[in-house]
C-alpha atoms as a PDB file:
ATOM      1  CA  MET A   1    -136.035 -12.907 -69.784  1.00  0.00           C
ATOM      2  CA  PRO A   2    -138.851 -10.347 -69.949  1.00  0.00           C
ATOM      3  CA  GLY A   3    -141.074 -10.322 -73.021  1.00  0.00           C
ATOM      4  CA  LEU A   4    -143.356  -7.823 -74.693  1.00  0.00           C
ATOM      5  CA  PRO A   5    -143.639  -4.895 -74.244  1.00  0.00           C
ATOM      6  CA  HIS A   6    -140.228  -4.606 -72.541  1.00  0.00           C
ATOM      7  CA  VAL A   7    -138.231  -6.625 -75.077  1.00  0.00           C
ATOM      8  CA  TRP A   8    -138.624  -6.860 -78.834  1.00  0.00           C
ATOM      9  CA  GLY A   9    -136.083  -8.362 -81.241  1.00  0.00           C
ATOM     10  CA  ALA A  10    -133.230  -8.339 -78.709  1.00  0.00           C
ATOM     11  CA  THR A  11    -131.093 -11.344 -77.916  1.00  0.00           C
ATOM     12  CA  PRO A  12    -130.766 -12.473 -74.289  1.00  0.00           C
ATOM     13  CA  GLU A  13    -127.200 -11.103 -74.278  1.00  0.00           C
ATOM     14  CA  GLU A  14    -128.404  -7.681 -75.524  1.00  0.00           C
ATOM     15  CA  VAL A  15    -131.014  -7.600 -72.775  1.00  0.00           C
ATOM     16  CA  ARG A  16    -128.424  -8.474 -70.082  1.00  0.00           C
ATOM     17  CA  ARG A  17    -125.759  -6.061 -71.388  1.00  0.00           C
ATOM     18  CA  ASP A  18    -125.084  -2.806 -69.562  1.00  0.00           C
ATOM     19  CA  TYR A  19    -125.702   0.348 -71.632  1.00  0.00           C
ATOM     20  CA  PRO A  20    -124.816   3.960 -70.780  1.00  0.00           C
ATOM     21  CA  ALA A  21    -128.543   4.777 -70.420  1.00  0.00           C
ATOM     22  CA  ASP A  22    -128.763   2.317 -67.520  1.00  0.00           C
ATOM     23  CA  ARG A  23    -126.683   4.624 -65.299  1.00  0.00           C
ATOM     24  CA  LEU A  24    -128.239   8.022 -66.006  1.00  0.00           C
ATOM     25  CA  LEU A  25    -131.415   8.140 -63.914  1.00  0.00           C
ATOM     26  CA  ASP A  26    -131.844   8.234 -60.149  1.00  0.00           C
ATOM     27  CA  GLY A  27    -134.226   5.968 -58.301  1.00  0.00           C
ATOM     28  CA  THR A  28    -135.991   2.872 -59.537  1.00  0.00           C
ATOM     29  CA  THR A  29    -135.818   2.265 -63.284  1.00  0.00           C
ATOM     30  CA  VAL A  30    -137.227  -0.262 -65.731  1.00  0.00           C
ATOM     31  CA  ALA A  31    -135.236  -1.208 -68.837  1.00  0.00           C
ATOM     32  CA  MET A  32    -136.694  -1.850 -72.268  1.00  0.00           C
ATOM     33  CA  THR A  33    -134.577  -3.261 -75.086  1.00  0.00           C
ATOM     34  CA  ARG A  34    -135.472  -3.254 -78.776  1.00  0.00           C
ATOM     35  CA  ALA A  35    -133.247  -4.551 -81.587  1.00  0.00           C
ATOM     36  CA  VAL A  36    -133.199  -5.434 -85.263  1.00  0.00           C
ATOM     37  CA  ALA A  37    -130.710  -7.323 -87.445  1.00  0.00           C
ATOM     38  CA  VAL A  38    -129.387  -5.226 -90.326  1.00  0.00           C
ATOM     39  CA  ALA A  39    -127.771  -6.615 -93.484  1.00  0.00           C
ATOM     40  CA  ALA A  40    -125.323  -3.706 -93.567  1.00  0.00           C
ATOM     41  CA  PRO A  41    -121.950  -2.960 -91.969  1.00  0.00           C
ATOM     42  CA  GLN A  42    -121.881  -1.470 -88.463  1.00  0.00           C
ATOM     43  CA  GLU A  43    -120.534   1.842 -89.782  1.00  0.00           C
ATOM     44  CA  LEU A  44    -123.568   2.296 -92.034  1.00  0.00           C
ATOM     45  CA  ALA A  45    -126.010   1.236 -89.310  1.00  0.00           C
ATOM     46  CA  TRP A  46    -124.376   3.815 -87.000  1.00  0.00           C
ATOM     47  CA  ARG A  47    -124.696   6.517 -89.641  1.00  0.00           C
ATOM     48  CA  TRP A  48    -128.438   5.839 -89.935  1.00  0.00           C
ATOM     49  CA  LEU A  49    -128.887   5.869 -86.142  1.00  0.00           C
ATOM     50  CA  CYS A  50    -127.400   9.388 -86.167  1.00  0.00           C
ATOM     51  CA  GLN A  51    -130.214  10.445 -88.514  1.00  0.00           C
ATOM     52  CA  ILE A  52    -132.438  10.607 -85.415  1.00  0.00           C
ATOM     53  CA  ALA A  53    -130.931  14.091 -85.029  1.00  0.00           C
ATOM     54  CA  VAL A  54    -132.841  14.972 -88.209  1.00  0.00           C
ATOM     55  CA  ALA A  55    -136.170  13.113 -88.006  1.00  0.00           C
ATOM     56  CA  PRO A  56    -137.958  10.391 -86.003  1.00  0.00           C
ATOM     57  CA  TYR A  57    -138.179   7.689 -88.742  1.00  0.00           C
ATOM     58  CA  SER A  58    -141.283   6.226 -87.140  1.00  0.00           C
ATOM     59  CA  TYR A  59    -144.851   7.110 -88.068  1.00  0.00           C
ATOM     60  CA  ASP A  60    -144.251  10.490 -89.700  1.00  0.00           C
ATOM     61  CA  LEU A  61    -147.915  11.465 -89.596  1.00  0.00           C
ATOM     62  CA  LEU A  62    -147.880  11.141 -85.805  1.00  0.00           C
ATOM     63  CA  ASP A  63    -144.442  12.260 -84.762  1.00  0.00           C
ATOM     64  CA  ASN A  64    -143.117  14.375 -87.637  1.00  0.00           C
ATOM     65  CA  ARG A  65    -146.163  16.543 -88.391  1.00  0.00           C
ATOM     66  CA  GLY A  66    -146.779  14.625 -91.600  1.00  0.00           C
ATOM     67  CA  ARG A  67    -143.345  15.378 -93.084  1.00  0.00           C
ATOM     68  CA  ARG A  68    -141.562  12.306 -94.421  1.00  0.00           C
ATOM     69  CA  SER A  69    -138.313  11.480 -92.654  1.00  0.00           C
ATOM     70  CA  PRO A  70    -135.411  11.821 -95.152  1.00  0.00           C
ATOM     71  CA  ARG A  71    -134.578   8.735 -97.170  1.00  0.00           C
ATOM     72  CA  GLU A  72    -131.001   9.794 -97.839  1.00  0.00           C
ATOM     73  CA  LEU A  73    -128.264  10.439 -95.287  1.00  0.00           C
ATOM     74  CA  THR A  74    -128.008  14.046 -94.156  1.00  0.00           C
ATOM     75  CA  PRO A  75    -124.421  15.297 -94.462  1.00  0.00           C
ATOM     76  CA  GLY A  76    -122.941  15.981 -91.028  1.00  0.00           C
ATOM     77  CA  ALA A  77    -125.705  14.300 -89.010  1.00  0.00           C
ATOM     78  CA  ASP A  78    -123.093  11.911 -87.618  1.00  0.00           C
ATOM     79  CA  ARG A  79    -120.991  14.760 -86.187  1.00  0.00           C
ATOM     80  CA  LEU A  80    -122.455  14.563 -82.712  1.00  0.00           C
ATOM     81  CA  GLU A  81    -121.906  16.939 -79.789  1.00  0.00           C
ATOM     82  CA  VAL A  82    -122.831  16.467 -76.150  1.00  0.00           C
ATOM     83  CA  GLY A  83    -125.881  18.644 -75.446  1.00  0.00           C
ATOM     84  CA  GLN A  84    -127.240  18.261 -78.979  1.00  0.00           C
ATOM     85  CA  LEU A  85    -130.944  17.576 -79.446  1.00  0.00           C
ATOM     86  CA  MET A  86    -131.794  14.130 -80.838  1.00  0.00           C
ATOM     87  CA  MET A  87    -135.585  14.441 -81.257  1.00  0.00           C
ATOM     88  CA  ILE A  88    -136.858  14.341 -77.650  1.00  0.00           C
ATOM     89  CA  PHE A  89    -133.472  13.464 -76.124  1.00  0.00           C
ATOM     90  CA  ARG A  90    -130.534  15.674 -75.142  1.00  0.00           C
ATOM     91  CA  LEU A  91    -127.255  13.930 -76.008  1.00  0.00           C
ATOM     92  CA  THR A  92    -125.226  13.099 -72.883  1.00  0.00           C
ATOM     93  CA  SER A  93    -122.482  10.931 -74.406  1.00  0.00           C
ATOM     94  CA  PHE A  94    -121.482   9.013 -77.502  1.00  0.00           C
ATOM     95  CA  GLU A  95    -118.837   6.735 -78.899  1.00  0.00           C
ATOM     96  CA  ALA A  96    -118.548   7.610 -82.576  1.00  0.00           C
ATOM     97  CA  GLY A  97    -119.294   4.641 -84.798  1.00  0.00           C
ATOM     98  CA  HIS A  98    -120.899   2.680 -81.979  1.00  0.00           C
ATOM     99  CA  HIS A  99    -123.523   4.332 -79.741  1.00  0.00           C
ATOM    100  CA  TRP A 100    -125.130   7.551 -78.567  1.00  0.00           C
ATOM    101  CA  THR A 101    -126.974   8.194 -75.317  1.00  0.00           C
ATOM    102  CA  GLY A 102    -129.368  10.887 -74.178  1.00  0.00           C
ATOM    103  CA  VAL A 103    -132.020  11.839 -71.653  1.00  0.00           C
ATOM    104  CA  THR A 104    -135.463  13.282 -72.284  1.00  0.00           C
ATOM    105  CA  THR A 105    -135.751  17.038 -72.516  1.00  0.00           C
ATOM    106  CA  PRO A 106    -137.790  18.759 -69.775  1.00  0.00           C
ATOM    107  CA  ALA A 107    -140.855  18.942 -72.067  1.00  0.00           C
ATOM    108  CA  ALA A 108    -140.589  15.248 -72.975  1.00  0.00           C
ATOM    109  CA  SER A 109    -140.023  14.324 -69.316  1.00  0.00           C
ATOM    110  CA  ARG A 110    -143.298  16.015 -68.382  1.00  0.00           C
ATOM    111  CA  LEU A 111    -145.097  13.811 -70.907  1.00  0.00           C
ATOM    112  CA  PHE A 112    -143.194  10.516 -70.642  1.00  0.00           C
ATOM    113  CA  GLY A 113    -141.370  10.854 -67.338  1.00  0.00           C
ATOM    114  CA  PRO A 114    -137.580  10.775 -67.093  1.00  0.00           C
ATOM    115  CA  VAL A 115    -136.223   8.421 -69.761  1.00  0.00           C
ATOM    116  CA  ALA A 116    -132.640   7.713 -70.793  1.00  0.00           C
ATOM    117  CA  VAL A 117    -131.869   6.033 -74.111  1.00  0.00           C
ATOM    118  CA  THR A 118    -128.881   4.436 -75.806  1.00  0.00           C
ATOM    119  CA  TYR A 119    -128.944   3.672 -79.531  1.00  0.00           C
ATOM    120  CA  ALA A 120    -126.144   1.291 -80.534  1.00  0.00           C
ATOM    121  CA  ALA A 121    -124.854  -0.151 -83.790  1.00  0.00           C
ATOM    122  CA  GLU A 122    -123.324  -3.528 -82.961  1.00  0.00           C
ATOM    123  CA  ARG A 123    -121.141  -5.579 -85.286  1.00  0.00           C
ATOM    124  CA  ASP A 124    -122.621  -8.982 -86.152  1.00  0.00           C
ATOM    125  CA  GLY A 125    -120.125 -10.652 -88.480  1.00  0.00           C
ATOM    126  CA  ASP A 126    -120.174  -8.694 -91.745  1.00  0.00           C
ATOM    127  CA  GLU A 127    -123.561  -7.281 -90.799  1.00  0.00           C
ATOM    128  CA  SER A 128    -124.856  -5.447 -87.761  1.00  0.00           C
ATOM    129  CA  ARG A 129    -127.610  -5.000 -85.231  1.00  0.00           C
ATOM    130  CA  MET A 130    -129.333  -1.813 -84.193  1.00  0.00           C
ATOM    131  CA  VAL A 131    -130.084  -1.948 -80.478  1.00  0.00           C
ATOM    132  CA  CYS A 132    -132.009   0.560 -78.410  1.00  0.00           C
ATOM    133  CA  ARG A 133    -132.091   0.505 -74.612  1.00  0.00           C
ATOM    134  CA  LEU A 134    -134.521   2.713 -72.746  1.00  0.00           C
ATOM    135  CA  ALA A 135    -134.247   3.193 -69.005  1.00  0.00           C
ATOM    136  CA  CYS A 136    -137.468   4.631 -67.579  1.00  0.00           C
ATOM    137  CA  GLN A 137    -137.715   6.104 -64.108  1.00  0.00           C
ATOM    138  CA  VAL A 138    -140.604   4.496 -62.224  1.00  0.00           C
ATOM    139  CA  SER A 139    -140.363   6.127 -58.809  1.00  0.00           C
ATOM    140  CA  GLY A 140    -143.792   7.179 -57.566  1.00  0.00           C
ATOM    141  CA  PRO A 141    -147.387   6.224 -58.337  1.00  0.00           C
ATOM    142  CA  LEU A 142    -147.742   8.370 -61.495  1.00  0.00           C
ATOM    143  CA  ALA A 143    -144.620   6.829 -63.019  1.00  0.00           C
ATOM    144  CA  ARG A 144    -145.821   3.290 -62.271  1.00  0.00           C
ATOM    145  CA  LEU A 145    -149.232   4.111 -63.755  1.00  0.00           C
ATOM    146  CA  ARG A 146    -147.653   5.631 -66.867  1.00  0.00           C
ATOM    147  CA  LEU A 147    -145.185   2.751 -67.462  1.00  0.00           C
ATOM    148  CA  PRO A 148    -147.484   0.265 -69.285  1.00  0.00           C
ATOM    149  CA  PHE A 149    -148.669   2.979 -71.684  1.00  0.00           C
ATOM    150  CA  LEU A 150    -145.107   4.129 -72.292  1.00  0.00           C
ATOM    151  CA  ALA A 151    -143.864   0.554 -72.792  1.00  0.00           C
ATOM    152  CA  TRP A 152    -146.530  -0.399 -75.348  1.00  0.00           C
ATOM    153  CA  GLY A 153    -146.488   2.980 -77.102  1.00  0.00           C
ATOM    154  CA  ASP A 154    -142.713   2.964 -77.360  1.00  0.00           C
ATOM    155  CA  LEU A 155    -142.741  -0.606 -78.648  1.00  0.00           C
ATOM    156  CA  VAL A 156    -144.990   0.383 -81.544  1.00  0.00           C
ATOM    157  CA  MET A 157    -143.033   3.532 -82.400  1.00  0.00           C
ATOM    158  CA  MET A 158    -139.528   2.105 -81.806  1.00  0.00           C
ATOM    159  CA  ARG A 159    -140.259  -1.036 -83.820  1.00  0.00           C
ATOM    160  CA  LYS A 160    -141.234   1.107 -86.809  1.00  0.00           C
ATOM    161  CA  GLU A 161    -138.218   3.382 -86.306  1.00  0.00           C
ATOM    162  CA  LEU A 162    -135.657   0.564 -86.119  1.00  0.00           C
ATOM    163  CA  LEU A 163    -137.197  -1.306 -89.048  1.00  0.00           C
ATOM    164  CA  THR A 164    -137.170   1.878 -91.159  1.00  0.00           C
ATOM    165  CA  LEU A 165    -133.583   2.805 -90.259  1.00  0.00           C
ATOM    166  CA  GLY A 166    -132.435  -0.787 -90.772  1.00  0.00           C
ATOM    167  CA  SER A 167    -134.130  -0.959 -94.155  1.00  0.00           C
ATOM    168  CA  LEU A 168    -132.483   2.274 -95.281  1.00  0.00           C
ATOM    169  CA  ALA A 169    -129.058   1.031 -94.138  1.00  0.00           C
ATOM    170  CA  GLU A 170    -129.622  -2.243 -96.017  1.00  0.00           C
ATOM    171  CA  ARG A 171    -130.639  -0.344 -99.153  1.00  0.00           C
ATOM    172  CA  ASP A 172    -127.473   1.761 -98.984  1.00  0.00           C
ATOM    173  CA  ALA A 173    -125.312  -1.332 -98.382  1.00  0.00           C
ATOM    174  CA  ALA A 174    -126.857  -3.007-101.452  1.00  0.00           C
ATOM    175  CA  ARG A 175    -126.201   0.139-103.509  1.00  0.00           C
ATOM    176  CA  ALA A 176    -122.541   0.121-102.454  1.00  0.00           C
ATOM    177  CA  GLY A 177    -122.180  -3.550-103.414  1.00  0.00           C
ATOM    178  CA  PRO A 178    -119.740  -6.097-102.008  1.00  0.00           C
ATOM    179  CA  GLY A 179    -116.942  -4.556 -99.982  1.00  0.00           C
ATOM    180  CA  GLY A 180    -118.427  -1.080-100.594  1.00  0.00           C
END
């Protein structure tokens, strides 16, 4: 099983699993899988993953122009539509309550190369896991040169994002109490 920077927090099964992002790009791709355990129900983890339509939830100074990502759920953010913008991704498909998938916008593709992503909320007993799969196109010398920088940079940003979203879901689950 690959290690850092291509895998962080994911179980071997999550790394092996097929995600919608794996089938979106042409040519040679490299997969990266990031995951975090969340002490909250899958439905709440999903709701927080939809917040990426609103803000990046990573290092706000770097990727949100210094504005703090909201700490409360935005009404309607979980009403997804194909074609919708999810930060730097254009939504290509989703399964409500479970996962959403997108590809980089043209501007983001110029910077990062073509990247497809799936964010999934997976049930784990009474709790859940937030899993993110990135499929990065690596056809051509520029793409292969860019890959290590993208992999390490994404690891830093995605780790922060998943930990923040997971923490907010856990806070809301604790507020709701048992069975809430």
